[in-house]
Amino acid sequence: MDINKELSFKFIKYCFVGCLSTLTYFLSVFVLVEFIKYDPLYASALSFIFMTLISYLLNRRFTFGSTFSTKTLLRFLAVSLIGFILNFIIMFFIIKGLSLHYFFGELVTTLVIPVINFLLNNYWTFNIESEGGTLSTEDTSSQSGI
């Protein structure tokens, strides 16, 4: 498959997983707050952790076709932290520095951060060649479960 097509297809799958992860986050916040009666602050934090783990598992298997390793999990968490910090910096700059409505910050972060996170995850977190091996199509089809 052409490299650009392969990368585009991975990005589409990455965005799909992102949508599922976001849905998981909001649903878990809702359940924790409305049914279990957690404080919204703690529900949000717990849901963010849960969402990040779900995102790792789905991206590892569905988007990047990788096997589990502590190294990829730690790298994924590092990329998530980078995304979180970038989100804060961009929002701060747009809201406080440029005195614009927060909507513009949300728009910019929604367009920029997923692309940066995808590139970091594709070329660093799940880059199998850099780990001294390759993942063949046979390896991908023989992997089981998430």
C-alpha atoms as a PDB file:
ATOM      1  CA  MET A   1       0.000   0.000   0.000  1.00  0.00           C
ATOM      2  CA  ASP A   2       1.199   3.509  -0.798  1.00  0.00           C
ATOM      3  CA  ILE A   3       2.768   5.204   2.262  1.00  0.00           C
ATOM      4  CA  ASN A   4       0.461   8.237   2.033  1.00  0.00           C
ATOM      5  CA  LYS A   5      -2.630   6.026   1.765  1.00  0.00           C
ATOM      6  CA  GLU A   6      -1.448   3.862   4.657  1.00  0.00           C
ATOM      7  CA  LEU A   7      -0.757   6.903   6.827  1.00  0.00           C
ATOM      8  CA  SER A   8      -4.109   8.450   5.889  1.00  0.00           C
ATOM      9  CA  PHE A   9      -5.939   5.222   6.703  1.00  0.00           C
ATOM     10  CA  LYS A  10      -4.165   5.007  10.075  1.00  0.00           C
ATOM     11  CA  PHE A  11      -5.107   8.622  10.806  1.00  0.00           C
ATOM     12  CA  ILE A  12      -8.764   7.919  10.004  1.00  0.00           C
ATOM     13  CA  LYS A  13      -8.706   4.928  12.367  1.00  0.00           C
ATOM     14  CA  TYR A  14      -6.940   7.089  14.971  1.00  0.00           C
ATOM     15  CA  CYS A  15      -9.701   9.709  14.711  1.00  0.00           C
ATOM     16  CA  PHE A  16     -12.371   7.009  15.015  1.00  0.00           C
ATOM     17  CA  VAL A  17     -10.709   5.693  18.189  1.00  0.00           C
ATOM     18  CA  GLY A  18     -10.492   9.287  19.441  1.00  0.00           C
ATOM     19  CA  CYS A  19     -14.239   9.709  18.991  1.00  0.00           C
ATOM     20  CA  LEU A  20     -14.918   6.425  20.817  1.00  0.00           C
ATOM     21  CA  SER A  21     -12.541   7.439  23.600  1.00  0.00           C
ATOM     22  CA  THR A  22     -14.225  10.823  23.968  1.00  0.00           C
ATOM     23  CA  LEU A  23     -17.626   9.158  24.094  1.00  0.00           C
ATOM     24  CA  THR A  24     -16.275   6.775  26.758  1.00  0.00           C
ATOM     25  CA  TYR A  25     -15.028   9.750  28.765  1.00  0.00           C
ATOM     26  CA  PHE A  26     -18.338  11.648  28.715  1.00  0.00           C
ATOM     27  CA  LEU A  27     -20.395   8.527  29.366  1.00  0.00           C
ATOM     28  CA  SER A  28     -18.248   7.497  32.333  1.00  0.00           C
ATOM     29  CA  VAL A  29     -18.370  11.031  33.808  1.00  0.00           C
ATOM     30  CA  PHE A  30     -22.154  10.989  33.457  1.00  0.00           C
ATOM     31  CA  VAL A  31     -22.513   7.562  35.094  1.00  0.00           C
ATOM     32  CA  LEU A  32     -20.112   8.401  37.929  1.00  0.00           C
ATOM     33  CA  VAL A  33     -21.782  11.731  38.706  1.00  0.00           C
ATOM     34  CA  GLU A  34     -25.450  10.948  38.079  1.00  0.00           C
ATOM     35  CA  PHE A  35     -25.736   7.343  39.248  1.00  0.00           C
ATOM     36  CA  ILE A  36     -22.810   6.681  41.585  1.00  0.00           C
ATOM     37  CA  LYS A  37     -22.875  10.262  42.970  1.00  0.00           C
ATOM     38  CA  TYR A  38     -19.130  10.942  42.640  1.00  0.00           C
ATOM     39  CA  ASP A  39     -17.941  14.516  42.910  1.00  0.00           C
ATOM     40  CA  PRO A  40     -17.670  15.834  39.298  1.00  0.00           C
ATOM     41  CA  LEU A  41     -14.010  16.764  39.752  1.00  0.00           C
ATOM     42  CA  TYR A  42     -13.064  13.229  40.805  1.00  0.00           C
ATOM     43  CA  ALA A  43     -15.383  11.696  38.221  1.00  0.00           C
ATOM     44  CA  SER A  44     -13.664  13.729  35.524  1.00  0.00           C
ATOM     45  CA  ALA A  45     -10.184  12.695  36.669  1.00  0.00           C
ATOM     46  CA  LEU A  46     -11.119   9.019  36.947  1.00  0.00           C
ATOM     47  CA  SER A  47     -12.856   9.124  33.572  1.00  0.00           C
ATOM     48  CA  PHE A  48      -9.813  10.745  31.958  1.00  0.00           C
ATOM     49  CA  ILE A  49      -7.611   7.902  33.220  1.00  0.00           C
ATOM     50  CA  PHE A  50     -10.137   5.315  32.020  1.00  0.00           C
ATOM     51  CA  MET A  51     -10.429   7.039  28.627  1.00  0.00           C
ATOM     52  CA  THR A  52      -6.650   7.128  28.198  1.00  0.00           C
ATOM     53  CA  LEU A  53      -6.348   3.389  28.901  1.00  0.00           C
ATOM     54  CA  ILE A  54      -9.207   2.579  26.513  1.00  0.00           C
ATOM     55  CA  SER A  55      -7.581   4.801  23.893  1.00  0.00           C
ATOM     56  CA  TYR A  56      -4.254   2.991  24.333  1.00  0.00           C
ATOM     57  CA  LEU A  57      -5.822  -0.447  24.006  1.00  0.00           C
ATOM     58  CA  LEU A  58      -7.878   0.457  20.930  1.00  0.00           C
ATOM     59  CA  ASN A  59      -5.064   2.350  19.212  1.00  0.00           C
ATOM     60  CA  ARG A  60      -2.547  -0.365  19.997  1.00  0.00           C
ATOM     61  CA  ARG A  61      -4.682  -3.057  18.436  1.00  0.00           C
ATOM     62  CA  PHE A  62      -6.938  -1.354  15.881  1.00  0.00           C
ATOM     63  CA  THR A  63      -4.934   1.638  14.628  1.00  0.00           C
ATOM     64  CA  PHE A  64      -1.312   0.524  14.866  1.00  0.00           C
ATOM     65  CA  GLY A  65      -1.585  -3.289  15.028  1.00  0.00           C
ATOM     66  CA  SER A  66       0.915  -3.532  17.855  1.00  0.00           C
ATOM     67  CA  THR A  67       1.324  -5.949  20.728  1.00  0.00           C
ATOM     68  CA  PHE A  68       1.240  -4.874  24.359  1.00  0.00           C
ATOM     69  CA  SER A  69       4.433  -3.783  26.024  1.00  0.00           C
ATOM     70  CA  THR A  70       5.155  -1.641  29.033  1.00  0.00           C
ATOM     71  CA  LYS A  71       7.344   0.511  26.788  1.00  0.00           C
ATOM     72  CA  THR A  72       4.499   1.348  24.380  1.00  0.00           C
ATOM     73  CA  LEU A  73       2.120   2.016  27.283  1.00  0.00           C
ATOM     74  CA  LEU A  74       4.591   4.422  28.915  1.00  0.00           C
ATOM     75  CA  ARG A  75       5.266   6.118  25.585  1.00  0.00           C
ATOM     76  CA  PHE A  76       1.522   6.445  24.944  1.00  0.00           C
ATOM     77  CA  LEU A  77       1.068   8.009  28.382  1.00  0.00           C
ATOM     78  CA  ALA A  78       3.956  10.414  27.658  1.00  0.00           C
ATOM     79  CA  VAL A  79       2.336  11.438  24.360  1.00  0.00           C
ATOM     80  CA  SER A  80      -0.982  11.934  26.175  1.00  0.00           C
ATOM     81  CA  LEU A  81       0.767  14.142  28.723  1.00  0.00           C
ATOM     82  CA  ILE A  82       2.377  16.154  25.917  1.00  0.00           C
ATOM     83  CA  GLY A  83      -1.072  16.610  24.363  1.00  0.00           C
ATOM     84  CA  PHE A  84      -2.492  17.700  27.714  1.00  0.00           C
ATOM     85  CA  ILE A  85       0.290  20.274  28.208  1.00  0.00           C
ATOM     86  CA  LEU A  86      -0.056  21.565  24.625  1.00  0.00           C
ATOM     87  CA  ASN A  87      -3.793  21.910  25.165  1.00  0.00           C
ATOM     88  CA  PHE A  88      -3.187  24.042  28.251  1.00  0.00           C
ATOM     89  CA  ILE A  89      -0.554  26.217  26.525  1.00  0.00           C
ATOM     90  CA  ILE A  90      -2.690  26.822  23.423  1.00  0.00           C
ATOM     91  CA  MET A  91      -5.806  27.571  25.488  1.00  0.00           C
ATOM     92  CA  PHE A  92      -3.867  29.901  27.780  1.00  0.00           C
ATOM     93  CA  PHE A  93      -2.339  31.773  24.818  1.00  0.00           C
ATOM     94  CA  ILE A  94      -5.642  32.178  22.977  1.00  0.00           C
ATOM     95  CA  ILE A  95      -7.748  33.099  26.015  1.00  0.00           C
ATOM     96  CA  LYS A  96      -5.280  35.127  28.085  1.00  0.00           C
ATOM     97  CA  GLY A  97      -2.723  36.217  25.491  1.00  0.00           C
ATOM     98  CA  LEU A  98      -5.019  37.056  22.585  1.00  0.00           C
ATOM     99  CA  SER A  99      -8.160  37.704  24.696  1.00  0.00           C
ATOM    100  CA  LEU A 100     -10.283  35.577  22.386  1.00  0.00           C
ATOM    101  CA  HIS A 101     -13.290  33.466  23.326  1.00  0.00           C
ATOM    102  CA  TYR A 102     -12.402  29.978  24.565  1.00  0.00           C
ATOM    103  CA  PHE A 103     -14.228  28.512  21.548  1.00  0.00           C
ATOM    104  CA  PHE A 104     -11.314  29.589  19.318  1.00  0.00           C
ATOM    105  CA  GLY A 105      -8.895  27.805  21.614  1.00  0.00           C
ATOM    106  CA  GLU A 106     -11.014  24.664  21.484  1.00  0.00           C
ATOM    107  CA  LEU A 107     -11.096  24.889  17.699  1.00  0.00           C
ATOM    108  CA  VAL A 108      -7.312  25.215  17.437  1.00  0.00           C
ATOM    109  CA  THR A 109      -6.608  22.438  19.949  1.00  0.00           C
ATOM    110  CA  THR A 110      -9.080  20.127  18.211  1.00  0.00           C
ATOM    111  CA  LEU A 111      -7.305  20.666  14.896  1.00  0.00           C
ATOM    112  CA  VAL A 112      -3.691  20.644  16.108  1.00  0.00           C
ATOM    113  CA  ILE A 113      -3.313  18.235  19.031  1.00  0.00           C
ATOM    114  CA  PRO A 114      -4.780  15.083  17.444  1.00  0.00           C
ATOM    115  CA  VAL A 115      -2.394  15.477  14.495  1.00  0.00           C
ATOM    116  CA  ILE A 116       0.618  15.941  16.790  1.00  0.00           C
ATOM    117  CA  ASN A 117      -0.436  13.020  19.000  1.00  0.00           C
ATOM    118  CA  PHE A 118      -1.011  10.810  15.958  1.00  0.00           C
ATOM    119  CA  LEU A 119       2.428  11.591  14.540  1.00  0.00           C
ATOM    120  CA  LEU A 120       4.136  10.975  17.891  1.00  0.00           C
ATOM    121  CA  ASN A 121       2.255   7.716  18.400  1.00  0.00           C
ATOM    122  CA  ASN A 122       2.850   6.550  14.837  1.00  0.00           C
ATOM    123  CA  TYR A 123       6.554   7.358  14.644  1.00  0.00           C
ATOM    124  CA  TRP A 124       7.566   6.841  18.295  1.00  0.00           C
ATOM    125  CA  THR A 125       5.082   5.005  20.521  1.00  0.00           C
ATOM    126  CA  PHE A 126       4.181   2.210  18.129  1.00  0.00           C
ATOM    127  CA  ASN A 127       7.184   2.359  15.783  1.00  0.00           C
ATOM    128  CA  ILE A 128       8.062  -1.314  15.678  1.00  0.00           C
ATOM    129  CA  GLU A 129      11.076  -0.900  13.385  1.00  0.00           C
ATOM    130  CA  SER A 130      12.811   1.252  16.026  1.00  0.00           C
ATOM    131  CA  GLU A 131      12.377  -1.594  18.522  1.00  0.00           C
ATOM    132  CA  GLY A 132      14.554  -3.925  16.472  1.00  0.00           C
ATOM    133  CA  GLY A 133      11.768  -5.814  14.713  1.00  0.00           C
ATOM    134  CA  THR A 134       9.045  -5.515  12.168  1.00  0.00           C
ATOM    135  CA  LEU A 135       5.406  -6.396  12.189  1.00  0.00           C
ATOM    136  CA  SER A 136       4.404  -8.432   9.183  1.00  0.00           C
ATOM    137  CA  THR A 137       0.869  -8.960   7.963  1.00  0.00           C
ATOM    138  CA  GLU A 138       1.074 -12.484   9.402  1.00  0.00           C
ATOM    139  CA  ASP A 139       1.907 -11.041  12.832  1.00  0.00           C
ATOM    140  CA  THR A 140      -1.027  -8.638  12.569  1.00  0.00           C
ATOM    141  CA  SER A 141      -3.552 -11.315  11.628  1.00  0.00           C
ATOM    142  CA  SER A 142      -2.405 -13.719  14.321  1.00  0.00           C
ATOM    143  CA  GLN A 143      -2.732 -11.249  17.197  1.00  0.00           C
ATOM    144  CA  SER A 144      -5.614 -12.021  19.455  1.00  0.00           C
ATOM    145  CA  GLY A 145      -7.845  -9.643  21.367  1.00  0.00           C
ATOM    146  CA  ILE A 146      -7.120  -6.275  22.798  1.00  0.00           C
END
